[in-house]
C-alpha cells in the first residue's frame, strides 16, 4: 500500500473525529444539566427503600397479586381489590 492509499483510507475517519468530538461535548453538557436537576437526597432514598422493603414483606406475607396485597380491606375481608 503506498502513501496515497494510506491517506485515502484514513480520510473517512479523520473527518469524523471533529464531528464526534462536538457530539460528545454536547452530550456531556446535556448530561451535566440533567444531573444538576436530579434531587439526590440520601434521606429520601432511604425512605423510599424502606417503603419498598415494606411492600416486599407484605408481598411475601400475603402473596400476589400486588393489588390485593396493597388493599388492606381486601386482605382483611377476603374481597377482590376492585
PDB file of N, CA and C in Angstrom:
ATOM      1  N   UNK A   1       0.860  -1.172   0.000  1.00  0.00           N
ATOM      2  CA  UNK A   1       0.000   0.000   0.000  1.00  0.00           C
ATOM      3  C   UNK A   1       0.908   1.237   0.000  1.00  0.00           C
ATOM      4  N   UNK A   2       0.667   2.128  -0.929  1.00  0.00           N
ATOM      5  CA  UNK A   2       1.512   3.328  -0.983  1.00  0.00           C
ATOM      6  C   UNK A   2       0.907   4.432  -0.122  1.00  0.00           C
ATOM      7  N   UNK A   3       1.626   5.536   0.013  1.00  0.00           N
ATOM      8  CA  UNK A   3       1.207   6.615   0.908  1.00  0.00           C
ATOM      9  C   UNK A   3      -0.100   7.259   0.474  1.00  0.00           C
ATOM     10  N   UNK A   4      -0.399   7.290  -0.800  1.00  0.00           N
ATOM     11  CA  UNK A   4      -1.659   7.861  -1.281  1.00  0.00           C
ATOM     12  C   UNK A   4      -2.840   6.998  -0.820  1.00  0.00           C
ATOM     13  N   UNK A   5      -2.673   5.686  -0.861  1.00  0.00           N
ATOM     14  CA  UNK A   5      -3.739   4.791  -0.425  1.00  0.00           C
ATOM     15  C   UNK A   5      -3.955   4.904   1.082  1.00  0.00           C
ATOM     16  N   UNK A   6      -2.877   5.038   1.840  1.00  0.00           N
ATOM     17  CA  UNK A   6      -2.989   5.198   3.292  1.00  0.00           C
ATOM     18  C   UNK A   6      -3.735   6.483   3.595  1.00  0.00           C
ATOM     19  N   UNK A   7      -3.367   7.564   2.909  1.00  0.00           N
ATOM     20  CA  UNK A   7      -4.019   8.846   3.126  1.00  0.00           C
ATOM     21  C   UNK A   7      -5.508   8.757   2.795  1.00  0.00           C
ATOM     22  N   UNK A   8      -5.850   8.107   1.683  1.00  0.00           N
ATOM     23  CA  UNK A   8      -7.248   7.961   1.292  1.00  0.00           C
ATOM     24  C   UNK A   8      -8.028   7.113   2.292  1.00  0.00           C
ATOM     25  N   UNK A   9      -7.410   6.072   2.824  1.00  0.00           N
ATOM     26  CA  UNK A   9      -8.116   5.172   3.732  1.00  0.00           C
ATOM     27  C   UNK A   9      -8.404   5.818   5.084  1.00  0.00           C
ATOM     28  N   UNK A  10      -7.585   6.769   5.502  1.00  0.00           N
ATOM     29  CA  UNK A  10      -7.843   7.403   6.799  1.00  0.00           C
ATOM     30  C   UNK A  10      -8.647   8.689   6.669  1.00  0.00           C
ATOM     31  N   UNK A  11      -8.927   9.120   5.451  1.00  0.00           N
ATOM     32  CA  UNK A  11      -9.680  10.359   5.248  1.00  0.00           C
ATOM     33  C   UNK A  11     -11.068  10.266   5.866  1.00  0.00           C
ATOM     34  N   UNK A  12     -11.696   9.116   5.779  1.00  0.00           N
ATOM     35  CA  UNK A  12     -13.043   8.960   6.318  1.00  0.00           C
ATOM     36  C   UNK A  12     -13.110   9.149   7.817  1.00  0.00           C
ATOM     37  N   UNK A  13     -12.250   8.497   8.544  1.00  0.00           N
ATOM     38  CA  UNK A  13     -12.340   8.602   9.994  1.00  0.00           C
ATOM     39  C   UNK A  13     -11.718   9.877  10.520  1.00  0.00           C
ATOM     40  N   UNK A  14     -10.750  10.452   9.830  1.00  0.00           N
ATOM     41  CA  UNK A  14     -10.185  11.721  10.314  1.00  0.00           C
ATOM     42  C   UNK A  14     -11.180  12.856  10.154  1.00  0.00           C
ATOM     43  N   UNK A  15     -12.056  12.763   9.162  1.00  0.00           N
ATOM     44  CA  UNK A  15     -13.105  13.775   9.022  1.00  0.00           C
ATOM     45  C   UNK A  15     -14.178  13.603  10.085  1.00  0.00           C
ATOM     46  N   UNK A  16     -14.377  12.382  10.541  1.00  0.00           N
ATOM     47  CA  UNK A  16     -15.426  12.100  11.519  1.00  0.00           C
ATOM     48  C   UNK A  16     -15.019  12.469  12.941  1.00  0.00           C
ATOM     49  N   UNK A  17     -13.747  12.534  13.231  1.00  0.00           N
ATOM     50  CA  UNK A  17     -13.286  12.794  14.603  1.00  0.00           C
ATOM     51  C   UNK A  17     -13.763  14.160  15.124  1.00  0.00           C
ATOM     52  N   UNK A  18     -13.597  15.247  14.378  1.00  0.00           N
ATOM     53  CA  UNK A  18     -14.091  16.533  14.902  1.00  0.00           C
ATOM     54  C   UNK A  18     -15.604  16.525  15.145  1.00  0.00           C
ATOM     55  N   UNK A  19     -16.367  15.886  14.255  1.00  0.00           N
ATOM     56  CA  UNK A  19     -17.813  15.803  14.454  1.00  0.00           C
ATOM     57  C   UNK A  19     -18.147  15.009  15.708  1.00  0.00           C
ATOM     58  N   UNK A  20     -17.449  13.905  15.908  1.00  0.00           N
ATOM     59  CA  UNK A  20     -17.690  13.084  17.095  1.00  0.00           C
ATOM     60  C   UNK A  20     -17.319  13.844  18.360  1.00  0.00           C
ATOM     61  N   UNK A  21     -16.257  14.624  18.296  1.00  0.00           N
ATOM     62  CA  UNK A  21     -15.842  15.417  19.457  1.00  0.00           C
ATOM     63  C   UNK A  21     -16.921  16.421  19.837  1.00  0.00           C
ATOM     64  N   UNK A  22     -17.473  17.084  18.852  1.00  0.00           N
ATOM     65  CA  UNK A  22     -18.545  18.052  19.112  1.00  0.00           C
ATOM     66  C   UNK A  22     -19.765  17.357  19.699  1.00  0.00           C
ATOM     67  N   UNK A  23     -20.131  16.207  19.157  1.00  0.00           N
ATOM     68  CA  UNK A  23     -21.278  15.470  19.671  1.00  0.00           C
ATOM     69  C   UNK A  23     -21.042  15.014  21.108  1.00  0.00           C
ATOM     70  N   UNK A  24     -19.836  14.572  21.417  1.00  0.00           N
ATOM     71  CA  UNK A  24     -19.526  14.153  22.790  1.00  0.00           C
ATOM     72  C   UNK A  24     -19.559  15.333  23.753  1.00  0.00           C
ATOM     73  N   UNK A  25     -19.070  16.479  23.326  1.00  0.00           N
ATOM     74  CA  UNK A  25     -19.120  17.665  24.180  1.00  0.00           C
ATOM     75  C   UNK A  25     -20.558  18.083  24.444  1.00  0.00           C
ATOM     76  N   UNK A  26     -21.408  18.028  23.412  1.00  0.00           N
ATOM     77  CA  UNK A  26     -22.826  18.348  23.588  1.00  0.00           C
ATOM     78  C   UNK A  26     -23.499  17.371  24.543  1.00  0.00           C
ATOM     79  N   UNK A  27     -23.211  16.094  24.370  1.00  0.00           N
ATOM     80  CA  UNK A  27     -23.797  15.078  25.251  1.00  0.00           C
ATOM     81  C   UNK A  27     -23.327  15.267  26.684  1.00  0.00           C
ATOM     82  N   UNK A  28     -22.074  15.608  26.862  1.00  0.00           N
ATOM     83  CA  UNK A  28     -21.533  15.845  28.194  1.00  0.00           C
ATOM     84  C   UNK A  28     -22.229  17.033  28.858  1.00  0.00           C
ATOM     85  N   UNK A  29     -22.437  18.086  28.108  1.00  0.00           N
ATOM     86  CA  UNK A  29     -23.120  19.263  28.636  1.00  0.00           C
ATOM     87  C   UNK A  29     -24.556  18.916  29.029  1.00  0.00           C
ATOM     88  N   UNK A  30     -25.267  18.208  28.134  1.00  0.00           N
ATOM     89  CA  UNK A  30     -26.651  17.823  28.423  1.00  0.00           C
ATOM     90  C   UNK A  30     -26.740  16.914  29.641  1.00  0.00           C
ATOM     91  N   UNK A  31     -25.812  15.982  29.753  1.00  0.00           N
ATOM     92  CA  UNK A  31     -25.799  15.080  30.908  1.00  0.00           C
ATOM     93  C   UNK A  31     -25.530  15.857  32.198  1.00  0.00           C
ATOM     94  N   UNK A  32     -24.629  16.812  32.151  1.00  0.00           N
ATOM     95  CA  UNK A  32     -24.357  17.644  33.325  1.00  0.00           C
ATOM     96  C   UNK A  32     -25.587  18.420  33.765  1.00  0.00           C
ATOM     97  N   UNK A  33     -26.319  18.971  32.808  1.00  0.00           N
ATOM     98  CA  UNK A  33     -27.552  19.700  33.146  1.00  0.00           C
ATOM     99  C   UNK A  33     -28.588  18.764  33.742  1.00  0.00           C
ATOM    100  N   UNK A  34     -28.687  17.539  33.196  1.00  0.00           N
ATOM    101  CA  UNK A  34     -29.632  16.563  33.726  1.00  0.00           C
ATOM    102  C   UNK A  34     -29.276  16.195  35.166  1.00  0.00           C
ATOM    103  N   UNK A  35     -28.008  15.949  35.422  1.00  0.00           N
ATOM    104  CA  UNK A  35     -27.580  15.574  36.770  1.00  0.00           C
ATOM    105  C   UNK A  35     -27.813  16.699  37.766  1.00  0.00           C
ATOM    106  N   UNK A  36     -27.675  17.942  37.319  1.00  0.00           N
ATOM    107  CA  UNK A  36     -27.934  19.081  38.203  1.00  0.00           C
ATOM    108  C   UNK A  36     -29.395  19.141  38.625  1.00  0.00           C
ATOM    109  N   UNK A  37     -30.291  18.637  37.782  1.00  0.00           N
ATOM    110  CA  UNK A  37     -31.724  18.672  38.080  1.00  0.00           C
ATOM    111  C   UNK A  37     -32.156  17.558  39.024  1.00  0.00           C
ATOM    112  N   UNK A  38     -31.360  16.499  39.128  1.00  0.00           N
ATOM    113  CA  UNK A  38     -31.725  15.385  39.996  1.00  0.00           C
ATOM    114  C   UNK A  38     -31.638  15.785  41.453  1.00  0.00           C
ATOM    115  N   UNK A  39     -32.603  15.327  42.212  1.00  0.00           N
ATOM    116  CA  UNK A  39     -32.602  15.571  43.649  1.00  0.00           C
ATOM    117  C   UNK A  39     -32.035  14.319  44.315  1.00  0.00           C
ATOM    118  N   UNK A  40     -30.790  14.373  44.704  1.00  0.00           N
ATOM    119  CA  UNK A  40     -30.114  13.196  45.261  1.00  0.00           C
ATOM    120  C   UNK A  40     -30.017  13.317  46.777  1.00  0.00           C
ATOM    121  N   UNK A  41     -31.166  13.209  47.428  1.00  0.00           N
ATOM    122  CA  UNK A  41     -31.231  13.321  48.879  1.00  0.00           C
ATOM    123  C   UNK A  41     -31.104  11.930  49.491  1.00  0.00           C
ATOM    124  N   UNK A  42     -30.014  11.655  50.218  1.00  0.00           N
ATOM    125  CA  UNK A  42     -29.822  10.317  50.794  1.00  0.00           C
ATOM    126  C   UNK A  42     -30.934   9.913  51.765  1.00  0.00           C
ATOM    127  N   UNK A  43     -31.486  10.863  52.508  1.00  0.00           N
ATOM    128  CA  UNK A  43     -32.563  10.540  53.448  1.00  0.00           C
ATOM    129  C   UNK A  43     -33.820  10.114  52.694  1.00  0.00           C
ATOM    130  N   UNK A  44     -34.105  10.798  51.592  1.00  0.00           N
ATOM    131  CA  UNK A  44     -35.275  10.439  50.803  1.00  0.00           C
ATOM    132  C   UNK A  44     -35.081   9.065  50.156  1.00  0.00           C
ATOM    133  N   UNK A  45     -33.883   8.784  49.701  1.00  0.00           N
ATOM    134  CA  UNK A  45     -33.592   7.478  49.126  1.00  0.00           C
ATOM    135  C   UNK A  45     -33.779   6.369  50.166  1.00  0.00           C
ATOM    136  N   UNK A  46     -33.332   6.608  51.390  1.00  0.00           N
ATOM    137  CA  UNK A  46     -33.510   5.622  52.457  1.00  0.00           C
ATOM    138  C   UNK A  46     -34.985   5.408  52.752  1.00  0.00           C
ATOM    139  N   UNK A  47     -35.768   6.481  52.735  1.00  0.00           N
ATOM    140  CA  UNK A  47     -37.207   6.363  52.978  1.00  0.00           C
ATOM    141  C   UNK A  47     -37.885   5.544  51.875  1.00  0.00           C
ATOM    142  N   UNK A  48     -37.518   5.795  50.643  1.00  0.00           N
ATOM    143  CA  UNK A  48     -38.090   5.040  49.526  1.00  0.00           C
ATOM    144  C   UNK A  48     -37.701   3.563  49.644  1.00  0.00           C
ATOM    145  N   UNK A  49     -36.454   3.291  49.983  1.00  0.00           N
ATOM    146  CA  UNK A  49     -36.020   1.903  50.159  1.00  0.00           C
ATOM    147  C   UNK A  49     -36.787   1.219  51.282  1.00  0.00           C
ATOM    148  N   UNK A  50     -37.045   1.945  52.380  1.00  0.00           N
ATOM    149  CA  UNK A  50     -37.835   1.378  53.479  1.00  0.00           C
ATOM    150  C   UNK A  50     -39.244   1.031  53.010  1.00  0.00           C
ATOM    151  N   UNK A  51     -39.838   1.919  52.227  1.00  0.00           N
ATOM    152  CA  UNK A  51     -41.184   1.648  51.700  1.00  0.00           C
ATOM    153  C   UNK A  51     -41.182   0.419  50.800  1.00  0.00           C
ATOM    154  N   UNK A  52     -40.189   0.340  49.924  1.00  0.00           N
ATOM    155  CA  UNK A  52     -40.106  -0.826  49.043  1.00  0.00           C
ATOM    156  C   UNK A  52     -39.905  -2.115  49.831  1.00  0.00           C
ATOM    157  N   UNK A  53     -39.102  -2.053  50.879  1.00  0.00           N
ATOM    158  CA  UNK A  53     -38.913  -3.235  51.732  1.00  0.00           C
ATOM    159  C   UNK A  53     -40.207  -3.631  52.418  1.00  0.00           C
ATOM    160  N   UNK A  54     -40.986  -2.642  52.864  1.00  0.00           N
ATOM    161  CA  UNK A  54     -42.275  -2.926  53.491  1.00  0.00           C
ATOM    162  C   UNK A  54     -43.218  -3.602  52.507  1.00  0.00           C
ATOM    163  N   UNK A  55     -43.260  -3.086  51.292  1.00  0.00           N
ATOM    164  CA  UNK A  55     -44.104  -3.686  50.256  1.00  0.00           C
ATOM    165  C   UNK A  55     -43.652  -5.115  49.973  1.00  0.00           C
ATOM    166  N   UNK A  56     -42.347  -5.331  49.897  1.00  0.00           N
ATOM    167  CA  UNK A  56     -41.850  -6.689  49.637  1.00  0.00           C
ATOM    168  C   UNK A  56     -42.226  -7.645  50.763  1.00  0.00           C
ATOM    169  N   UNK A  57     -42.142  -7.172  52.017  1.00  0.00           N
ATOM    170  CA  UNK A  57     -42.545  -8.020  53.153  1.00  0.00           C
ATOM    171  C   UNK A  57     -44.038  -8.357  53.082  1.00  0.00           C
ATOM    172  N   UNK A  58     -44.852  -7.373  52.678  1.00  0.00           N
ATOM    173  CA  UNK A  58     -46.286  -7.617  52.543  1.00  0.00           C
ATOM    174  C   UNK A  58     -46.562  -8.632  51.435  1.00  0.00           C
ATOM    175  N   UNK A  59     -45.829  -8.507  50.319  1.00  0.00           N
ATOM    176  CA  UNK A  59     -45.993  -9.467  49.234  1.00  0.00           C
ATOM    177  C   UNK A  59     -45.609 -10.864  49.693  1.00  0.00           C
ATOM    178  N   UNK A  60     -44.531 -10.963  50.461  1.00  0.00           N
ATOM    179  CA  UNK A  60     -44.108 -12.270  50.974  1.00  0.00           C
ATOM    180  C   UNK A  60     -45.141 -12.841  51.939  1.00  0.00           C
ATOM    181  N   UNK A  61     -45.748 -11.995  52.754  1.00  0.00           N
ATOM    182  CA  UNK A  61     -46.704 -12.452  53.754  1.00  0.00           C
ATOM    183  C   UNK A  61     -48.055 -12.800  53.132  1.00  0.00           C
ATOM    184  N   UNK A  62     -48.564 -11.910  52.266  1.00  0.00           N
ATOM    185  CA  UNK A  62     -49.913 -12.075  51.741  1.00  0.00           C
ATOM    186  C   UNK A  62     -49.957 -12.618  50.317  1.00  0.00           C
ATOM    187  N   UNK A  63     -48.829 -12.636  49.652  1.00  0.00           N
ATOM    188  CA  UNK A  63     -48.777 -13.157  48.289  1.00  0.00           C
ATOM    189  C   UNK A  63     -49.207 -12.143  47.251  1.00  0.00           C
ATOM    190  N   UNK A  64     -49.142 -12.565  46.022  1.00  0.00           N
ATOM    191  CA  UNK A  64     -49.573 -11.731  44.904  1.00  0.00           C
ATOM    192  C   UNK A  64     -51.059 -11.966  44.668  1.00  0.00           C
ATOM    193  N   UNK A  65     -51.771 -11.206  43.953  1.00  0.00           N
ATOM    194  CA  UNK A  65     -51.354 -10.050  43.178  1.00  0.00           C
ATOM    195  C   UNK A  65     -51.142  -8.823  44.063  1.00  0.00           C
ATOM    196  N   UNK A  66     -50.340  -7.924  43.585  1.00  0.00           N
ATOM    197  CA  UNK A  66     -49.966  -6.752  44.369  1.00  0.00           C
ATOM    198  C   UNK A  66     -51.173  -5.879  44.689  1.00  0.00           C
ATOM    199  N   UNK A  67     -52.168  -5.830  43.806  1.00  0.00           N
ATOM    200  CA  UNK A  67     -53.349  -5.006  44.088  1.00  0.00           C
ATOM    201  C   UNK A  67     -54.084  -5.507  45.319  1.00  0.00           C
ATOM    202  N   UNK A  68     -54.114  -6.805  45.520  1.00  0.00           N
ATOM    203  CA  UNK A  68     -54.745  -7.358  46.712  1.00  0.00           C
ATOM    204  C   UNK A  68     -53.887  -7.097  47.940  1.00  0.00           C
ATOM    205  N   UNK A  69     -52.601  -7.252  47.791  1.00  0.00           N
ATOM    206  CA  UNK A  69     -51.685  -7.061  48.908  1.00  0.00           C
ATOM    207  C   UNK A  69     -51.723  -5.634  49.421  1.00  0.00           C
ATOM    208  N   UNK A  70     -51.809  -4.673  48.519  1.00  0.00           N
ATOM    209  CA  UNK A  70     -51.788  -3.273  48.923  1.00  0.00           C
ATOM    210  C   UNK A  70     -53.162  -2.742  49.299  1.00  0.00           C
ATOM    211  N   UNK A  71     -54.189  -3.578  49.263  1.00  0.00           N
ATOM    212  CA  UNK A  71     -55.528  -3.183  49.659  1.00  0.00           C
ATOM    213  C   UNK A  71     -55.876  -3.911  50.956  1.00  0.00           C
ATOM    214  N   UNK A  72     -55.674  -3.273  52.109  1.00  0.00           N
ATOM    215  CA  UNK A  72     -55.880  -3.956  53.396  1.00  0.00           C
ATOM    216  C   UNK A  72     -57.298  -4.481  53.581  1.00  0.00           C
ATOM    217  N   UNK A  73     -58.295  -3.791  53.042  1.00  0.00           N
ATOM    218  CA  UNK A  73     -59.679  -4.253  53.171  1.00  0.00           C
ATOM    219  C   UNK A  73     -59.854  -5.590  52.446  1.00  0.00           C
ATOM    220  N   UNK A  74     -59.248  -5.701  51.281  1.00  0.00           N
ATOM    221  CA  UNK A  74     -59.346  -6.951  50.535  1.00  0.00           C
ATOM    222  C   UNK A  74     -58.676  -8.076  51.300  1.00  0.00           C
ATOM    223  N   UNK A  75     -57.553  -7.791  51.914  1.00  0.00           N
ATOM    224  CA  UNK A  75     -56.837  -8.810  52.695  1.00  0.00           C
ATOM    225  C   UNK A  75     -57.671  -9.184  53.928  1.00  0.00           C
ATOM    226  N   UNK A  76     -58.212  -8.178  54.617  1.00  0.00           N
ATOM    227  CA  UNK A  76     -58.930  -8.427  55.862  1.00  0.00           C
ATOM    228  C   UNK A  76     -60.251  -9.173  55.622  1.00  0.00           C
ATOM    229  N   UNK A  77     -60.958  -8.823  54.543  1.00  0.00           N
ATOM    230  CA  UNK A  77     -62.290  -9.383  54.329  1.00  0.00           C
ATOM    231  C   UNK A  77     -62.349 -10.382  53.180  1.00  0.00           C
ATOM    232  N   UNK A  78     -61.200 -10.653  52.557  1.00  0.00           N
ATOM    233  CA  UNK A  78     -61.178 -11.635  51.500  1.00  0.00           C
ATOM    234  C   UNK A  78     -61.933 -11.222  50.241  1.00  0.00           C
ATOM    235  N   UNK A  79     -62.054  -9.932  50.009  1.00  0.00           N
ATOM    236  CA  UNK A  79     -62.766  -9.452  48.829  1.00  0.00           C
ATOM    237  C   UNK A  79     -61.755  -9.131  47.728  1.00  0.00           C
ATOM    238  N   UNK A  80     -62.283  -8.893  46.528  1.00  0.00           N
ATOM    239  CA  UNK A  80     -61.395  -8.552  45.426  1.00  0.00           C
ATOM    240  C   UNK A  80     -60.901  -7.114  45.601  1.00  0.00           C
ATOM    241  N   UNK A  81     -59.851  -6.792  44.897  1.00  0.00           N
ATOM    242  CA  UNK A  81     -59.216  -5.481  45.040  1.00  0.00           C
ATOM    243  C   UNK A  81     -59.796  -4.475  44.053  1.00  0.00           C
ATOM    244  N   UNK A  82     -61.056  -4.463  43.854  1.00  0.00           N
ATOM    245  CA  UNK A  82     -61.680  -3.564  42.889  1.00  0.00           C
ATOM    246  C   UNK A  82     -61.741  -2.144  43.393  1.00  0.00           C
TER     247      UNK A  82
END
